[in-house]
Amino acid sequence: LDAPGCGAKRGRDTSGLCIDDITSELIAEMEHAGMKDVILVGHSQAGTMLPRLAERRPGLFRRIVYVSCCAPLPGQTIPQMIGTGQHGSNPEEVGWPLDPAQHPHQEQYRHMFCNDMDEQEAARFLAKLGRDRWPDQTMQASDWRYDHLTNIPSTFVLCLQDDILTPPWQKKFAQRLHTQRTVRIDAGHQVMNTRPHALAESLRHEASIG
């Protein structure tokens, strides 16, 4: 599934789209494809969408798998969740790998996404960064709901080297999302790039669980 502005939907005008619009579009795509008994997997910011999809069509999904996903508190936007300081400077904020007062976002990306990549891998990844763009309104949403997730089987894939959503924060997010299982992989945030086989085997195993 591609969020509007991402993947096969790159370049699309998403200026008027909110999270509920994205939810409706993705559900419609799955229903049009005749999908049933779905194992829904999302990474990073997709974590904010998975609960909405499950809330809209709970009977469609057999299991939800969050791969180093974030889960802002109800009433909190994603930028507020990240905050304005470095990791650890405010226990209520995720923070940034480097002090944002001294290092702009472009300088942060190497640490956020590529800390377990060699220089060539990082250069290739960073050259592609920015081609996908989530609708801007998703960054301002704050009406998060998680209580309904207690009834849906779910797994959190925790990335042990993640330097943007650090492991302690991933554990907090897993609790907010009411996940029943945790899988740990020794990788950074872009686990699908650096440990694709480990992630694939983990997902195959989660898919096999009744």
Protein backbone atom coordinates (compact mmCIF):
# COMPACT_ATOMS: atom_id res chain seq x y z
CA LEU A 1 0.00 0.00 0.00
CA ASP A 2 1.28 3.45 -0.91
CA ALA A 3 0.23 6.53 1.03
CA PRO A 4 -0.73 9.44 -1.24
CA GLY A 5 2.48 11.18 -2.29
CA CYS A 6 4.56 8.02 -1.87
CA GLY A 7 5.65 5.12 -4.06
CA ALA A 8 3.44 4.79 -7.12
CA LYS A 9 1.58 7.92 -5.98
CA ARG A 10 4.60 10.25 -5.98
CA GLY A 11 3.98 13.72 -7.38
CA ARG A 12 0.31 13.72 -6.53
CA ASP A 13 -1.26 16.86 -5.04
CA THR A 14 -1.96 15.88 -1.42
CA SER A 15 -2.47 19.37 0.00
CA GLY A 16 -6.12 18.77 0.89
CA LEU A 17 -5.77 15.29 2.36
CA CYS A 18 -6.12 14.49 6.05
CA ILE A 19 -5.58 11.17 7.83
CA ASP A 20 -9.22 10.13 7.44
CA ASP A 21 -8.94 10.67 3.66
CA ILE A 22 -5.85 8.48 3.53
CA THR A 23 -7.59 5.83 5.62
CA SER A 24 -10.56 5.75 3.25
CA GLU A 25 -8.30 5.50 0.21
CA LEU A 26 -6.21 2.62 1.56
CA ILE A 27 -9.23 0.67 2.79
CA ALA A 28 -10.88 1.11 -0.61
CA GLU A 29 -7.75 -0.22 -2.35
CA MET A 30 -7.68 -3.33 -0.18
CA GLU A 31 -11.38 -3.99 -0.61
CA HIS A 32 -11.16 -3.43 -4.37
CA ALA A 33 -8.36 -6.02 -4.49
CA GLY A 34 -10.56 -8.48 -2.61
CA MET A 35 -8.15 -8.79 0.30
CA LYS A 36 -9.22 -10.70 3.40
CA ASP A 37 -7.47 -11.94 6.55
CA VAL A 38 -4.81 -9.26 6.00
CA ILE A 39 -1.52 -9.01 7.87
CA LEU A 40 -0.89 -5.28 7.87
CA VAL A 41 2.74 -4.17 8.15
CA GLY A 42 3.87 -0.57 8.56
CA HIS A 43 7.17 1.18 9.22
CA SER A 44 7.95 4.42 11.06
CA GLN A 45 5.32 7.11 10.38
CA ALA A 46 2.99 4.44 9.02
CA GLY A 47 2.47 3.54 12.66
CA THR A 48 0.13 6.52 12.88
CA MET A 49 -2.02 5.08 10.08
CA LEU A 50 -2.31 1.44 11.13
CA PRO A 51 -4.60 2.07 14.11
CA ARG A 52 -6.93 4.10 11.88
CA LEU A 53 -7.14 1.32 9.34
CA ALA A 54 -7.83 -1.23 12.06
CA GLU A 55 -10.47 1.00 13.60
CA ARG A 56 -12.26 1.50 10.27
CA ARG A 57 -12.30 -2.19 9.27
CA PRO A 58 -11.32 -4.36 12.26
CA GLY A 59 -12.54 -7.59 10.66
CA LEU A 60 -10.23 -7.11 7.68
CA PHE A 61 -7.00 -7.70 9.59
CA ARG A 62 -5.59 -10.88 11.12
CA ARG A 63 -2.51 -9.22 12.61
CA ILE A 64 -0.86 -5.81 12.64
CA VAL A 65 2.95 -5.59 12.60
CA TYR A 66 4.58 -2.29 13.53
CA VAL A 67 8.21 -1.94 12.37
CA SER A 68 9.88 0.73 14.51
CA CYS A 69 6.71 2.80 14.41
CA CYS A 70 5.78 5.92 16.32
CA ALA A 71 2.58 6.49 18.31
CA PRO A 72 2.03 10.08 19.49
CA LEU A 73 -0.06 10.66 22.58
CA PRO A 74 -3.70 11.67 22.03
CA GLY A 75 -3.71 15.44 21.54
CA GLN A 76 -0.08 15.50 20.41
CA THR A 77 1.23 16.10 16.88
CA ILE A 78 4.21 14.23 15.44
CA PRO A 79 6.46 17.34 15.62
CA GLN A 80 5.47 17.79 19.27
CA MET A 81 6.27 14.13 19.91
CA ILE A 82 9.75 14.55 18.40
CA GLY A 83 10.34 17.84 20.20
CA THR A 84 13.03 20.46 19.80
CA GLY A 85 16.00 19.05 21.70
CA GLN A 86 18.54 16.26 21.53
CA HIS A 87 17.83 12.72 22.72
CA GLY A 88 17.46 12.71 26.49
CA SER A 89 17.18 16.48 26.93
CA ASN A 90 13.45 16.21 27.67
CA PRO A 91 12.02 12.91 28.94
CA GLU A 92 8.66 13.77 27.38
CA GLU A 93 10.09 14.18 23.86
CA VAL A 94 11.73 11.69 21.50
CA GLY A 95 14.40 14.21 20.55
CA TRP A 96 16.99 14.31 17.76
CA PRO A 97 20.32 12.46 17.40
CA LEU A 98 22.22 15.78 17.28
CA ASP A 99 21.42 19.08 18.95
CA PRO A 100 18.94 20.71 16.52
CA ALA A 101 20.10 24.16 17.62
CA GLN A 102 23.52 23.35 16.12
CA HIS A 103 22.62 20.88 13.35
CA PRO A 104 19.83 21.42 10.78
CA HIS A 105 17.61 18.54 9.68
CA GLN A 106 19.75 17.72 6.65
CA GLU A 107 22.71 17.03 8.94
CA GLN A 108 20.53 14.85 11.18
CA TYR A 109 19.47 12.43 8.44
CA ARG A 110 22.77 10.52 8.28
CA HIS A 111 22.41 9.69 11.99
CA MET A 112 18.65 9.14 11.92
CA PHE A 113 18.48 6.71 9.04
CA CYS A 114 21.96 5.48 8.14
CA ASN A 115 23.86 4.87 11.39
CA ASP A 116 24.22 1.15 10.59
CA MET A 117 25.16 1.68 6.92
CA ASP A 118 28.59 2.07 5.39
CA GLU A 119 29.38 5.29 3.53
CA GLN A 120 28.36 4.00 0.10
CA GLU A 121 25.08 2.57 1.37
CA ALA A 122 24.33 5.80 3.21
CA ALA A 123 25.09 7.92 0.15
CA ARG A 124 22.76 5.84 -2.02
CA PHE A 125 19.99 6.03 0.57
CA LEU A 126 20.30 9.77 1.19
CA ALA A 127 20.29 10.46 -2.55
CA LYS A 128 16.77 8.98 -2.70
CA LEU A 129 15.48 10.54 0.51
CA GLY A 130 12.68 13.01 -0.11
CA ARG A 131 11.19 11.35 -3.19
CA ASP A 132 8.29 10.18 -1.06
CA ARG A 133 6.29 12.85 0.77
CA TRP A 134 3.49 12.17 3.19
CA PRO A 135 0.57 14.63 3.03
CA ASP A 136 1.47 17.68 5.11
CA GLN A 137 -1.69 17.48 7.20
CA THR A 138 -0.55 14.18 8.71
CA MET A 139 2.07 16.14 10.66
CA GLN A 140 -0.62 18.28 12.28
CA ALA A 141 -3.03 15.50 13.25
CA SER A 142 -3.49 14.94 16.97
CA ASP A 143 -6.68 12.89 17.40
CA TRP A 144 -4.95 9.55 17.97
CA ARG A 145 -6.94 6.59 19.30
CA TYR A 146 -5.49 3.30 20.53
CA ASP A 147 -7.95 1.63 22.92
CA HIS A 148 -9.57 -0.39 20.14
CA LEU A 149 -6.24 -2.11 19.42
CA THR A 150 -6.50 -4.34 22.50
CA ASN A 151 -8.69 -6.74 20.50
CA ILE A 152 -6.43 -7.06 17.45
CA PRO A 153 -3.38 -9.40 17.44
CA SER A 154 -0.25 -7.33 16.91
CA THR A 155 3.53 -7.39 16.94
CA PHE A 156 6.16 -4.67 17.33
CA VAL A 157 9.50 -5.09 15.54
CA LEU A 158 11.98 -3.22 17.71
CA CYS A 159 15.16 -2.03 15.97
CA LEU A 160 17.97 -2.07 18.50
CA GLN A 161 20.26 0.42 16.71
CA ASP A 162 17.55 2.92 15.76
CA ASP A 163 18.90 6.45 16.31
CA ILE A 164 15.71 8.39 15.73
CA LEU A 165 13.06 6.25 17.43
CA THR A 166 15.42 4.91 20.08
CA PRO A 167 14.68 1.51 21.69
CA PRO A 168 13.25 2.99 24.94
CA TRP A 169 10.81 5.04 22.90
CA GLN A 170 9.94 2.10 20.69
CA LYS A 171 9.01 0.21 23.87
CA LYS A 172 6.74 3.09 24.93
CA PHE A 173 5.10 3.13 21.52
CA ALA A 174 4.59 -0.63 21.60
CA GLN A 175 2.76 -0.25 24.91
CA ARG A 176 0.57 2.55 23.58
CA LEU A 177 -0.29 0.40 20.58
CA HIS A 178 -1.21 -2.53 22.85
CA THR A 179 1.08 -4.94 21.01
CA GLN A 180 1.18 -8.47 22.39
CA ARG A 181 4.48 -9.57 20.86
CA THR A 182 7.90 -7.94 20.42
CA VAL A 183 10.55 -8.99 17.91
CA ARG A 184 14.04 -7.49 18.22
CA ILE A 185 16.38 -7.00 15.28
CA ASP A 186 19.91 -5.60 15.59
CA ALA A 187 19.47 -2.85 13.01
CA GLY A 188 18.92 0.87 12.60
CA HIS A 189 15.72 2.59 11.57
CA GLN A 190 15.95 1.44 7.94
CA VAL A 191 15.94 -2.25 8.82
CA MET A 192 14.45 -3.15 5.44
CA ASN A 193 17.62 -1.74 3.84
CA THR A 194 20.27 -3.07 6.19
CA ARG A 195 18.78 -6.33 7.53
CA PRO A 196 16.20 -7.27 4.88
CA HIS A 197 16.52 -11.02 5.37
CA ALA A 198 16.15 -10.79 9.15
CA LEU A 199 13.07 -8.61 8.74
CA ALA A 200 11.60 -10.90 6.09
CA GLU A 201 12.06 -13.99 8.27
CA SER A 202 10.50 -12.18 11.23
CA LEU A 203 7.50 -11.17 9.15
CA ARG A 204 7.12 -14.71 7.78
CA HIS A 205 7.08 -16.01 11.32
CA GLU A 206 4.52 -13.45 12.49
CA ALA A 207 2.35 -14.32 9.51
CA SER A 208 2.38 -17.97 10.54
CA ILE A 209 0.95 -17.26 13.99
CA GLY A 210 -2.73 -18.06 14.32
